[in-house]
Amino acid sequence: MEVSIQSIALATILTVLTTWAWRVLNWVWLRPKTLERLLRQQGFSGKPYTFLFGDLKEDSRLFREAYSKPIALSDDIKPRVLPFWHQSSQTYAKDSFMWIGPTPRVNITNPEQIKEIFSKIYDYPKPVFHPLLRSIADGLLTHEGEKWARHRKIINPAFHMEKLKLMLPAFYSSCTGMVDRWEKLVSVERSCEVDVWVDLQNLTCDVISRTAFGSSFEEGKRIFILQKEQAQLAIKFLQSIYIPGWRFVPTSVNRRMKNIGKEVRSLLMDIVRRREKAMRAGEAASDDLLGVLLESNMKENVGMSLHDVIEDCKLFYFAGQETTSVLLVWTMVLLSVHSDWQARAREEVLQVFGSRKPDFDGISHLKIVTMILNEVLRLYPPAIRLQRMVHKETKLGKLTIPPGVHLFVSPLFVHHDKELWGEDAQDFRPERFAEGVSRATKNQVSFFPFGVGPRICIGQNFALIEAKIALAMILQRFTFELSPSYAHAPFTVFTLQPQHGAQVILHRAN
C-alpha cells in the first residue's frame, strides 16, 4: 500500500514536471519559432529569434550607444530614440519585426492598417502592461472592454469644452507665475539663459495640480517628484526581459518602487476623501477635473471604486503634465532655430490679444500658432510608440496576424515617412497645415500625435489649450534663441524629452 502511494506521488510529480517543462520549452522556443515562420510567410522580415532574450540585448546596447552623445539639430532623430527599429527598417524594410524576449513585435506603417487597428479596439487590445507600469498609473489608459467603456463615459464630462473653458483662469495663473519670474531674470541685462525644460515641467505640473485638484503646484509637488522617479526606474525594466514574479523580489529598486506607490496613493487618497466628504456635506462640486469626475461618478449605477478614482488621478498627474511640457519644450527649441516662424507667431499673438491675457475666443483665431504646434507634434510626437496585440488569428488588410503577436505603431516613423509627407518630411514646415490636418494628411491616418480612433487621448483638447495659452504669453513678452550650451539629445522616458535640458537665451520683447 505504501509503495503504491509513493508510486502515485512520484508519477504525479513527474507529470507536473513534464507539463511544466513542456510549457517552458513552448514559451521560450517552439512557439516563437512557429510565429517567426508564420510572419515570414506574410512578407515580414527581421532577425532570427534567439533563445529567451530575442533582440533585447542588442536593443539595450543600441540605446546606450545612442544616448551617449548628442546629435545635430538637422540630424534624423529616429536613430537616437528608436535605434533598433531604425536599424531594422534600414536593413530589412518598413514591414519588419523584432523580438521582445520570446514575443514578436511587428512594425505597422500602412495608414489603412493603422486606421483598422485603432478603430477595432476589441480586436486589437493593448498588450498586458508590465506590472511596474501599472503601478505608476493603472487608470483609463490600461483598461479594456466594458470597464474601459464605462470609465471613459464617466470621465468624459471632465474634458468637455465648456468645462475646459472654466479652467482658463488656472492656466493663466500658472503661466503668469512663470513669465513673471522670467521677466525678473531678464530685467537687469535684458537677456538671460534659462533651462526652459525645467520651468515648463514646473508650469504644467502647476496647471494639472490646479485644474485636477484645485491645489497649487506646491501641494502637488511631492506627487510629481515621486512619479518622475518612478517613471525613470520603470523604464529600465522595459529594456530587459519580463520575469513573472520578479517584482516581488525585495531588491532595492523593487522596494523603492513599492514605497513610492504607497506614498503617492496615500497623498491622493487624502485629496479624494477630503473632496468626497465636502460633497457629502452639501458643498457644490468644484469645476476642476476631480470635482467633475466625482459628480459624474455619483450619477452612475455602477460607478468607479475609490481605487479606480485614485488610479485615474495618478494618470491625470502623470500624463496631464508630460504631454504639454514636451510639446512646449520642442516648440521653443524649434522656434529658437526658425526665428522667422517665431516672429510670425508673435505678430499673430499681438494682433489677436495685444498685451491682454489670452482668452478662449481668441485662442481659436491663432491659425499660425496652431500650424506651428501641429508641425512640432508631427516632428516630435510626445508618445513615439503605440502597441496593440491579437488574441486570435486576425485579418488585417491582406495580412493574417497569428495570436500572440504584438503590433508596433510608431507615430514618429509614420510622421517622418517620406512616402507620406514628401522628401522634406524631416524639415520644419508649418505651412503643411495651412489648410488644416485633413488636407495635410490627404485624409489618411498619417498624423496621430494623440492616438486615433475611440481611444484617442482624452486630454487632447486640454493639452492644446494649455499649450496655446502658454506659448501666447511667452511670445507676448519674450524673444528667444538657443544657447550655445544647448545639446540636442531627444530621448524617451515614456514621452519624447530633451535628455540634457533645453537652454534658451531669453530677450525682452520690444
Protein backbone atom coordinates (compact mmCIF):
# COMPACT_ATOMS: atom_id res chain seq x y z
CA MET A 1 0.00 0.00 0.00
CA GLU A 2 2.83 2.36 1.00
CA VAL A 3 4.72 1.58 -2.25
CA SER A 4 1.59 2.25 -4.25
CA ILE A 5 1.14 5.69 -2.65
CA GLN A 6 4.80 6.53 -3.30
CA SER A 7 4.42 5.44 -6.93
CA ILE A 8 1.36 7.61 -7.40
CA ALA A 9 3.10 10.57 -5.79
CA LEU A 10 6.18 10.07 -7.97
CA ALA A 11 4.06 9.74 -11.11
CA THR A 12 2.17 12.90 -10.19
CA ILE A 13 5.41 14.83 -9.64
CA LEU A 14 6.84 13.58 -12.94
CA THR A 15 3.64 14.56 -14.77
CA VAL A 16 3.69 18.05 -13.26
CA LEU A 17 7.39 18.49 -14.07
CA THR A 18 6.92 17.21 -17.62
CA THR A 19 3.94 19.53 -18.18
CA TRP A 20 5.87 22.47 -16.74
CA ALA A 21 8.95 21.67 -18.82
CA TRP A 22 6.85 21.41 -21.99
CA ARG A 23 5.19 24.76 -21.29
CA VAL A 24 8.55 26.44 -20.70
CA LEU A 25 10.00 24.89 -23.86
CA ASN A 26 6.95 26.02 -25.83
CA TRP A 27 7.21 29.56 -24.39
CA VAL A 28 10.93 30.08 -24.93
CA TRP A 29 11.45 28.20 -28.21
CA LEU A 30 8.71 26.24 -30.03
CA ARG A 31 6.04 28.96 -30.12
CA PRO A 32 8.44 31.82 -31.08
CA LYS A 33 9.90 29.76 -33.94
CA THR A 34 6.39 28.92 -35.17
CA LEU A 35 5.39 32.62 -35.06
CA GLU A 36 8.59 33.57 -36.86
CA ARG A 37 7.80 31.17 -39.69
CA LEU A 38 4.24 32.49 -39.99
CA LEU A 39 5.42 36.12 -40.04
CA ARG A 40 8.00 35.46 -42.73
CA GLN A 41 5.27 33.82 -44.81
CA GLN A 42 3.34 37.11 -44.51
CA GLY A 43 6.27 39.04 -46.00
CA PHE A 44 7.72 40.39 -42.75
CA SER A 45 11.46 40.24 -42.16
CA GLY A 46 13.72 40.56 -39.16
CA LYS A 47 16.49 38.88 -37.21
CA PRO A 48 16.02 35.17 -36.42
CA TYR A 49 14.73 34.51 -32.93
CA THR A 50 17.46 33.88 -30.37
CA PHE A 51 16.78 31.92 -27.21
CA LEU A 52 14.82 33.73 -24.47
CA PHE A 53 16.19 37.27 -24.89
CA GLY A 54 15.42 37.80 -28.57
CA ASP A 55 16.62 41.27 -29.61
CA LEU A 56 16.57 42.82 -26.13
CA LYS A 57 20.34 42.76 -25.58
CA GLU A 58 21.04 44.39 -28.93
CA ASP A 59 18.21 46.88 -28.37
CA SER A 60 19.69 47.90 -24.99
CA ARG A 61 23.19 48.19 -26.46
CA LEU A 62 21.97 50.46 -29.26
CA PHE A 63 20.10 52.65 -26.77
CA ARG A 64 23.18 53.04 -24.58
CA GLU A 65 25.26 53.95 -27.61
CA ALA A 66 22.66 56.39 -28.97
CA TYR A 67 22.17 58.14 -25.64
CA SER A 68 25.90 58.56 -25.06
CA LYS A 69 26.23 61.58 -27.35
CA PRO A 70 24.03 64.39 -28.67
CA ILE A 71 23.19 64.90 -32.34
CA ALA A 72 22.97 67.90 -34.65
CA LEU A 73 19.67 69.76 -34.87
CA SER A 74 19.44 68.80 -38.55
CA ASP A 75 20.00 65.08 -37.87
CA ASP A 76 17.30 62.45 -38.12
CA ILE A 77 16.17 61.72 -34.54
CA LYS A 78 14.93 58.18 -35.24
CA PRO A 79 18.37 56.51 -34.89
CA ARG A 80 18.64 58.08 -31.44
CA VAL A 81 15.21 57.46 -29.97
CA LEU A 82 14.29 54.18 -31.73
CA PRO A 83 17.71 52.85 -32.74
CA PHE A 84 16.82 49.18 -33.19
CA TRP A 85 13.70 49.89 -35.24
CA HIS A 86 15.59 52.37 -37.40
CA GLN A 87 18.39 49.86 -38.00
CA SER A 88 15.86 47.15 -38.76
CA SER A 89 13.98 49.30 -41.27
CA GLN A 90 17.27 50.13 -42.99
CA THR A 91 18.44 46.51 -43.05
CA TYR A 92 15.15 44.85 -43.95
CA ALA A 93 12.15 47.04 -44.71
CA LYS A 94 9.45 49.07 -43.01
CA ASP A 95 7.47 45.84 -42.60
CA SER A 96 9.85 44.24 -40.13
CA PHE A 97 9.68 42.63 -36.71
CA MET A 98 11.79 42.43 -33.58
CA TRP A 99 11.84 40.10 -30.58
CA ILE A 100 10.96 41.33 -27.11
CA GLY A 101 12.11 38.18 -25.39
CA PRO A 102 10.07 35.36 -26.95
CA THR A 103 7.34 37.74 -28.20
CA PRO A 104 7.48 39.10 -31.76
CA ARG A 105 6.62 42.77 -32.27
CA VAL A 106 5.61 43.72 -35.83
CA ASN A 107 6.10 47.23 -37.21
CA ILE A 108 2.95 48.57 -38.89
CA THR A 109 3.27 51.74 -41.01
CA ASN A 110 0.46 51.45 -43.56
CA PRO A 111 -2.19 54.18 -42.85
CA GLU A 112 -5.12 51.92 -43.75
CA GLN A 113 -3.89 49.17 -41.46
CA ILE A 114 -3.25 51.69 -38.69
CA LYS A 115 -6.81 53.00 -39.09
CA GLU A 116 -8.20 49.49 -38.78
CA ILE A 117 -6.10 48.62 -35.73
CA PHE A 118 -7.18 51.71 -33.78
CA SER A 119 -10.81 51.57 -34.92
CA LYS A 120 -11.44 47.94 -33.95
CA ILE A 121 -10.45 48.33 -30.32
CA TYR A 122 -11.87 44.97 -29.23
CA ASP A 123 -10.00 43.04 -31.93
CA TYR A 124 -6.76 44.86 -31.16
CA PRO A 125 -6.50 45.43 -27.39
CA LYS A 126 -3.46 46.85 -25.67
CA PRO A 127 -0.89 44.31 -24.50
CA VAL A 128 -0.95 43.49 -20.81
CA PHE A 129 1.01 46.26 -19.17
CA HIS A 130 4.16 45.46 -17.24
CA PRO A 131 3.15 45.41 -13.53
CA LEU A 132 5.64 48.18 -12.78
CA LEU A 133 3.99 50.42 -15.37
CA ARG A 134 0.60 49.72 -13.87
CA SER A 135 1.94 50.84 -10.51
CA ILE A 136 2.56 54.29 -11.98
CA ALA A 137 -0.95 54.73 -13.35
CA ASP A 138 -3.44 51.89 -13.69
CA GLY A 139 -6.35 54.01 -14.89
CA LEU A 140 -8.22 54.61 -18.14
CA LEU A 141 -5.01 54.09 -20.13
CA THR A 142 -4.76 50.40 -19.22
CA HIS A 143 -8.43 49.37 -19.05
CA GLU A 144 -10.04 47.24 -21.74
CA GLY A 145 -13.54 46.20 -22.81
CA GLU A 146 -16.58 47.10 -20.75
CA LYS A 147 -14.55 48.59 -17.90
CA TRP A 148 -12.80 50.98 -20.30
CA ALA A 149 -16.12 51.99 -21.90
CA ARG A 150 -17.75 52.65 -18.52
CA HIS A 151 -14.81 54.66 -17.19
CA ARG A 152 -14.45 56.67 -20.39
CA LYS A 153 -18.14 57.62 -20.14
CA ILE A 154 -17.69 58.75 -16.51
CA ILE A 155 -14.51 60.72 -17.18
CA ASN A 156 -15.57 62.34 -20.48
CA PRO A 157 -17.57 65.21 -18.90
CA ALA A 158 -14.42 66.48 -17.18
CA PHE A 159 -12.90 67.18 -20.60
CA HIS A 160 -15.91 68.74 -22.33
CA MET A 161 -15.08 72.10 -23.87
CA GLU A 162 -17.39 74.03 -21.54
CA LYS A 163 -15.53 72.56 -18.54
CA LEU A 164 -12.16 73.38 -20.07
CA LYS A 165 -13.26 77.00 -20.51
CA LEU A 166 -13.76 77.21 -16.75
CA MET A 167 -10.16 76.14 -16.24
CA LEU A 168 -8.69 79.08 -18.19
CA PRO A 169 -8.06 81.17 -15.04
CA ALA A 170 -5.94 78.32 -13.65
CA PHE A 171 -4.00 78.08 -16.93
CA TYR A 172 -3.47 81.83 -16.89
CA SER A 173 -2.44 81.99 -13.23
CA SER A 174 0.19 79.26 -13.63
CA CYS A 175 1.62 80.79 -16.84
CA THR A 176 1.75 84.25 -15.24
CA GLY A 177 3.90 82.90 -12.43
CA MET A 178 6.44 81.51 -14.91
CA VAL A 179 6.68 84.51 -17.27
CA ASP A 180 6.83 86.96 -14.34
CA ARG A 181 9.81 85.05 -12.99
CA TRP A 182 11.47 85.13 -16.40
CA GLU A 183 10.88 88.87 -16.65
CA LYS A 184 12.71 89.43 -13.37
CA LEU A 185 15.63 87.40 -14.68
CA VAL A 186 15.94 89.45 -17.89
CA SER A 187 15.21 92.82 -16.28
CA VAL A 188 18.82 93.65 -15.45
CA GLU A 189 20.61 92.98 -18.74
CA ARG A 190 17.53 92.43 -20.93
CA SER A 191 18.57 88.83 -21.60
CA CYS A 192 19.43 85.68 -19.67
CA GLU A 193 19.94 81.95 -20.17
CA VAL A 194 17.21 79.65 -18.81
CA ASP A 195 16.73 75.89 -18.97
CA VAL A 196 13.14 76.16 -20.11
CA TRP A 197 12.63 72.38 -19.81
CA VAL A 198 12.76 72.65 -16.01
CA ASP A 199 10.41 75.63 -15.93
CA LEU A 200 7.95 74.15 -18.42
CA GLN A 201 7.70 70.95 -16.36
CA ASN A 202 7.01 73.03 -13.26
CA LEU A 203 4.44 75.03 -15.22
CA THR A 204 2.49 72.03 -16.47
CA CYS A 205 2.62 70.39 -13.04
CA ASP A 206 1.21 73.56 -11.50
CA VAL A 207 -1.54 73.61 -14.14
CA ILE A 208 -2.51 69.97 -13.59
CA SER A 209 -2.43 70.45 -9.82
CA ARG A 210 -4.79 73.41 -10.05
CA THR A 211 -7.10 72.03 -12.74
CA ALA A 212 -7.24 68.46 -11.46
CA PHE A 213 -7.37 69.01 -7.73
CA GLY A 214 -7.80 72.72 -7.15
CA SER A 215 -4.45 72.87 -5.38
CA SER A 216 -1.28 74.74 -6.23
CA PHE A 217 1.89 73.17 -7.53
CA GLU A 218 3.40 73.18 -4.04
CA GLU A 219 0.70 70.82 -2.76
CA GLY A 220 1.15 68.51 -5.73
CA LYS A 221 4.92 68.86 -5.97
CA ARG A 222 5.62 65.74 -3.94
CA ILE A 223 3.39 63.61 -6.19
CA PHE A 224 5.13 64.97 -9.29
CA ILE A 225 8.64 64.27 -7.94
CA LEU A 226 7.69 60.75 -6.87
CA GLN A 227 6.05 59.84 -10.18
CA LYS A 228 9.02 61.18 -12.12
CA GLU A 229 11.38 58.97 -10.11
CA GLN A 230 9.05 56.03 -10.54
CA ALA A 231 9.00 56.50 -14.32
CA GLN A 232 12.79 56.62 -14.51
CA LEU A 233 13.06 53.38 -12.53
CA ALA A 234 10.36 51.65 -14.58
CA ILE A 235 11.93 52.48 -17.95
CA LYS A 236 14.97 50.36 -17.02
CA PHE A 237 12.76 47.31 -16.58
CA LEU A 238 11.25 47.77 -20.03
CA GLN A 239 14.68 47.24 -21.59
CA SER A 240 15.00 43.77 -20.05
CA ILE A 241 13.03 40.56 -20.33
CA TYR A 242 9.96 40.36 -18.10
CA ILE A 243 10.28 37.60 -15.49
CA PRO A 244 6.93 36.86 -13.82
CA GLY A 245 7.08 37.47 -10.09
CA TRP A 246 10.41 39.34 -10.17
CA ARG A 247 8.76 42.48 -8.82
CA PHE A 248 8.14 40.65 -5.54
CA VAL A 249 11.86 40.00 -5.02
CA PRO A 250 12.96 42.54 -2.36
CA THR A 251 15.64 44.28 -4.44
CA SER A 252 16.45 47.92 -3.65
CA VAL A 253 14.70 49.07 -6.84
CA ASN A 254 11.58 46.98 -6.17
CA ARG A 255 11.39 48.25 -2.59
CA ARG A 256 11.73 51.84 -3.79
CA MET A 257 9.03 51.38 -6.43
CA LYS A 258 6.71 49.89 -3.81
CA ASN A 259 7.35 52.70 -1.32
CA ILE A 260 6.76 55.38 -3.97
CA GLY A 261 3.47 53.70 -4.93
CA LYS A 262 2.30 53.68 -1.33
CA GLU A 263 3.16 57.33 -0.76
CA VAL A 264 1.53 58.56 -3.99
CA ARG A 265 -1.60 56.53 -3.22
CA SER A 266 -1.74 57.93 0.31
CA LEU A 267 -1.38 61.54 -0.85
CA LEU A 268 -4.09 61.15 -3.48
CA MET A 269 -6.40 59.26 -1.15
CA ASP A 270 -6.31 62.19 1.27
CA ILE A 271 -7.22 64.61 -1.54
CA VAL A 272 -10.07 62.41 -2.85
CA ARG A 273 -11.53 61.65 0.59
CA ARG A 274 -11.50 65.34 1.59
CA ARG A 275 -13.35 66.17 -1.59
CA GLU A 276 -15.90 63.36 -1.18
CA LYS A 277 -16.53 64.45 2.42
CA ALA A 278 -17.15 68.03 1.31
CA MET A 279 -19.56 66.90 -1.41
CA ARG A 280 -21.50 64.68 1.02
CA ALA A 281 -21.73 67.67 3.36
CA GLY A 282 -23.58 69.53 0.62
CA GLU A 283 -20.80 71.58 -0.87
CA ALA A 284 -21.06 72.01 -4.63
CA ALA A 285 -18.68 70.01 -6.77
CA SER A 286 -15.75 72.09 -7.94
CA ASP A 287 -15.17 72.68 -11.63
CA ASP A 288 -11.77 71.00 -11.51
CA LEU A 289 -11.25 67.55 -13.04
CA LEU A 290 -11.64 65.69 -9.74
CA GLY A 291 -14.87 67.50 -8.87
CA VAL A 292 -16.42 66.81 -12.28
CA LEU A 293 -15.24 63.20 -12.17
CA LEU A 294 -16.75 62.56 -8.70
CA GLU A 295 -20.00 64.26 -9.67
CA SER A 296 -20.25 62.19 -12.86
CA ASN A 297 -19.39 59.03 -10.96
CA MET A 298 -22.16 59.58 -8.40
CA LYS A 299 -24.73 59.63 -11.22
CA GLU A 300 -23.83 56.11 -12.36
CA ASN A 301 -25.50 52.95 -11.07
CA VAL A 302 -22.21 51.10 -11.42
CA GLY A 303 -19.56 53.71 -10.83
CA MET A 304 -15.85 53.73 -10.18
CA SER A 305 -14.44 52.46 -6.90
CA LEU A 306 -12.19 54.59 -4.69
CA HIS A 307 -9.24 52.60 -6.05
CA ASP A 308 -10.30 53.40 -9.64
CA VAL A 309 -10.67 57.11 -8.87
CA ILE A 310 -7.21 57.23 -7.30
CA GLU A 311 -5.65 55.39 -10.26
CA ASP A 312 -7.19 57.88 -12.69
CA CYS A 313 -5.95 60.75 -10.52
CA LYS A 314 -2.45 59.28 -10.81
CA LEU A 315 -2.94 59.20 -14.57
CA PHE A 316 -4.14 62.85 -14.58
CA TYR A 317 -0.99 63.83 -12.76
CA PHE A 318 1.43 61.79 -14.84
CA ALA A 319 0.03 62.16 -18.36
CA GLY A 320 -1.57 65.56 -17.76
CA GLN A 321 1.72 67.35 -17.37
CA GLU A 322 4.02 65.22 -19.54
CA THR A 323 2.26 65.75 -22.86
CA THR A 324 2.06 69.53 -22.67
CA SER A 325 5.53 70.09 -21.26
CA VAL A 326 7.20 68.12 -24.07
CA LEU A 327 5.08 69.85 -26.71
CA LEU A 328 6.07 73.27 -25.35
CA VAL A 329 9.77 72.50 -24.96
CA TRP A 330 10.18 71.24 -28.54
CA THR A 331 8.14 74.21 -29.77
CA MET A 332 10.54 76.61 -28.07
CA VAL A 333 13.56 74.71 -29.40
CA LEU A 334 12.28 74.76 -32.99
CA LEU A 335 11.12 78.39 -32.84
CA SER A 336 14.55 79.30 -31.46
CA VAL A 337 16.06 77.90 -34.64
CA HIS A 338 13.37 79.14 -37.02
CA SER A 339 13.22 82.80 -35.99
CA ASP A 340 11.04 83.68 -39.00
CA TRP A 341 8.24 81.46 -37.69
CA GLN A 342 8.77 82.77 -34.17
CA ALA A 343 8.29 86.32 -35.49
CA ARG A 344 5.16 85.34 -37.44
CA ALA A 345 3.66 83.65 -34.38
CA ARG A 346 4.42 86.68 -32.19
CA GLU A 347 2.87 89.03 -34.70
CA GLU A 348 -0.30 86.93 -34.74
CA VAL A 349 -0.49 86.75 -30.93
CA LEU A 350 -0.07 90.53 -30.60
CA GLN A 351 -2.64 91.09 -33.33
CA VAL A 352 -5.21 88.89 -31.57
CA PHE A 353 -4.51 89.75 -27.92
CA GLY A 354 -2.19 92.75 -27.80
CA SER A 355 -0.90 92.79 -24.23
CA ARG A 356 -4.16 91.33 -22.85
CA LYS A 357 -4.26 87.89 -21.28
CA PRO A 358 -5.30 85.22 -23.79
CA ASP A 359 -8.98 84.26 -23.77
CA PHE A 360 -10.84 81.27 -25.15
CA ASP A 361 -12.35 83.02 -28.19
CA GLY A 362 -9.01 84.50 -29.17
CA ILE A 363 -7.24 81.13 -29.00
CA SER A 364 -9.41 79.84 -31.84
CA HIS A 365 -8.03 82.65 -34.07
CA LEU A 366 -4.39 81.61 -33.61
CA LYS A 367 -4.00 79.97 -37.01
CA ILE A 368 -0.22 80.30 -37.31
CA VAL A 369 0.32 79.11 -33.74
CA THR A 370 -1.89 76.09 -34.48
CA MET A 371 0.11 75.31 -37.64
CA ILE A 372 3.35 75.50 -35.64
CA LEU A 373 2.07 73.24 -32.85
CA ASN A 374 0.86 70.66 -35.37
CA GLU A 375 4.24 70.64 -37.10
CA VAL A 376 6.02 70.25 -33.76
CA LEU A 377 3.71 67.34 -32.90
CA ARG A 378 4.49 65.81 -36.28
CA LEU A 379 8.26 66.05 -35.84
CA TYR A 380 8.37 65.38 -32.07
CA PRO A 381 5.23 63.42 -31.09
CA PRO A 382 5.05 63.03 -27.28
CA ALA A 383 4.44 59.27 -27.50
CA ILE A 384 6.65 57.71 -30.14
CA ARG A 385 5.31 54.17 -29.82
CA LEU A 386 1.82 52.68 -29.56
CA GLN A 387 1.22 48.97 -29.13
CA ARG A 388 -1.61 46.54 -29.65
CA MET A 389 -1.89 42.75 -29.80
CA VAL A 390 -4.16 40.00 -31.11
CA HIS A 391 -5.57 37.14 -29.04
CA LYS A 392 -6.77 35.11 -32.02
CA GLU A 393 -5.86 34.80 -35.69
CA THR A 394 -6.91 38.14 -37.16
CA LYS A 395 -7.15 39.51 -40.70
CA LEU A 396 -5.52 42.92 -41.10
CA GLY A 397 -6.00 44.01 -44.68
CA LYS A 398 -4.23 41.33 -46.71
CA LEU A 399 -2.30 40.13 -43.67
CA THR A 400 -3.19 37.31 -41.30
CA ILE A 401 -1.81 38.04 -37.83
CA PRO A 402 -1.32 34.93 -35.65
CA PRO A 403 -2.38 35.10 -31.97
CA GLY A 404 0.19 36.36 -29.50
CA VAL A 405 1.85 38.80 -31.90
CA HIS A 406 2.27 42.40 -30.73
CA LEU A 407 1.72 45.23 -33.22
CA PHE A 408 4.05 48.23 -33.03
CA VAL A 409 2.81 51.55 -34.45
CA SER A 410 5.19 54.49 -34.18
CA PRO A 411 3.75 57.98 -34.74
CA LEU A 412 7.36 59.11 -35.14
CA PHE A 413 8.07 56.70 -38.01
CA VAL A 414 4.79 57.47 -39.77
CA HIS A 415 5.11 61.24 -39.25
CA HIS A 416 8.60 61.16 -40.81
CA ASP A 417 7.72 58.84 -43.70
CA LYS A 418 8.81 60.45 -46.97
CA GLU A 419 6.29 58.38 -48.93
CA LEU A 420 3.51 60.03 -46.93
CA TRP A 421 4.94 63.52 -46.29
CA GLY A 422 7.37 64.12 -49.15
CA GLU A 423 11.14 64.40 -49.38
CA ASP A 424 11.11 67.24 -46.83
CA ALA A 425 9.37 65.06 -44.21
CA GLN A 426 12.09 65.76 -41.62
CA ASP A 427 12.06 69.52 -42.18
CA PHE A 428 10.18 72.05 -40.04
CA ARG A 429 7.50 73.40 -42.38
CA PRO A 430 4.35 74.54 -40.51
CA GLU A 431 2.80 75.66 -43.81
CA ARG A 432 1.92 71.99 -44.38
CA PHE A 433 -1.01 72.57 -42.04
CA ALA A 434 -2.13 75.89 -43.53
CA GLU A 435 -5.38 74.29 -44.74
CA GLY A 436 -5.87 72.00 -41.77
CA VAL A 437 -4.90 68.48 -40.79
CA SER A 438 -7.20 66.69 -43.25
CA ARG A 439 -5.70 68.46 -46.26
CA ALA A 440 -2.16 67.97 -44.95
CA THR A 441 -2.67 64.23 -44.47
CA LYS A 442 -4.84 63.73 -47.58
CA ASN A 443 -7.40 62.18 -45.23
CA GLN A 444 -5.04 59.35 -44.33
CA VAL A 445 -4.10 58.21 -40.83
CA SER A 446 -0.60 59.66 -41.13
CA PHE A 447 -0.78 62.22 -38.29
CA PHE A 448 -1.85 60.95 -34.87
CA PRO A 449 0.21 62.56 -32.07
CA PHE A 450 -2.60 61.84 -29.58
CA GLY A 451 -3.53 58.46 -31.00
CA VAL A 452 -6.56 57.83 -33.19
CA GLY A 453 -9.96 56.13 -33.03
CA PRO A 454 -12.19 55.60 -29.98
CA ARG A 455 -9.20 55.51 -27.63
CA ILE A 456 -7.74 58.83 -28.76
CA CYS A 457 -6.18 60.71 -25.83
CA ILE A 458 -8.99 62.10 -23.68
CA GLY A 459 -6.85 65.09 -22.71
CA GLN A 460 -6.03 66.25 -26.26
CA ASN A 461 -8.02 69.50 -26.08
CA PHE A 462 -6.77 70.16 -22.55
CA ALA A 463 -3.14 69.88 -23.71
CA LEU A 464 -3.60 72.05 -26.81
CA ILE A 465 -5.44 74.83 -25.00
CA GLU A 466 -2.79 74.90 -22.28
CA ALA A 467 0.00 74.95 -24.87
CA LYS A 468 -1.59 77.80 -26.84
CA ILE A 469 -2.08 79.95 -23.74
CA ALA A 470 1.46 79.33 -22.51
CA LEU A 471 3.04 79.97 -25.92
CA ALA A 472 0.98 83.12 -26.45
CA MET A 473 2.04 84.54 -23.08
CA ILE A 474 5.70 83.71 -23.76
CA LEU A 475 5.59 85.33 -27.20
CA GLN A 476 3.92 88.46 -25.80
CA ARG A 477 6.89 89.17 -23.53
CA PHE A 478 9.98 87.48 -24.97
CA THR A 479 12.03 86.64 -28.00
CA PHE A 480 14.30 83.65 -27.60
CA GLU A 481 17.17 81.77 -29.19
CA LEU A 482 19.08 78.59 -28.40
CA SER A 483 22.03 78.94 -26.07
CA PRO A 484 25.45 77.73 -27.30
CA SER A 485 25.34 75.34 -24.32
CA TYR A 486 22.26 73.53 -25.71
CA ALA A 487 22.91 69.90 -26.69
CA HIS A 488 20.28 68.36 -28.96
CA ALA A 489 19.54 64.99 -27.41
CA PRO A 490 15.93 63.75 -27.73
CA PHE A 491 15.29 60.61 -25.68
CA THR A 492 12.33 58.80 -24.20
CA VAL A 493 11.10 58.39 -20.66
CA PHE A 494 7.60 57.38 -21.77
CA THR A 495 7.45 60.70 -23.66
CA LEU A 496 9.98 62.31 -26.01
CA GLN A 497 12.10 64.63 -23.87
CA PRO A 498 15.35 66.64 -24.10
CA GLN A 499 17.96 64.49 -22.32
CA HIS A 500 20.17 67.41 -21.28
CA GLY A 501 17.52 70.10 -20.89
CA ALA A 502 16.73 73.00 -23.22
CA GLN A 503 18.96 76.00 -22.59
CA VAL A 504 17.46 79.10 -24.20
CA ILE A 505 18.52 82.75 -24.13
CA LEU A 506 15.51 84.94 -23.38
CA HIS A 507 15.31 88.56 -24.51
CA ARG A 508 12.67 91.08 -23.53
CA ALA A 509 10.36 91.60 -26.50
CA ASN A 510 10.26 95.19 -27.76
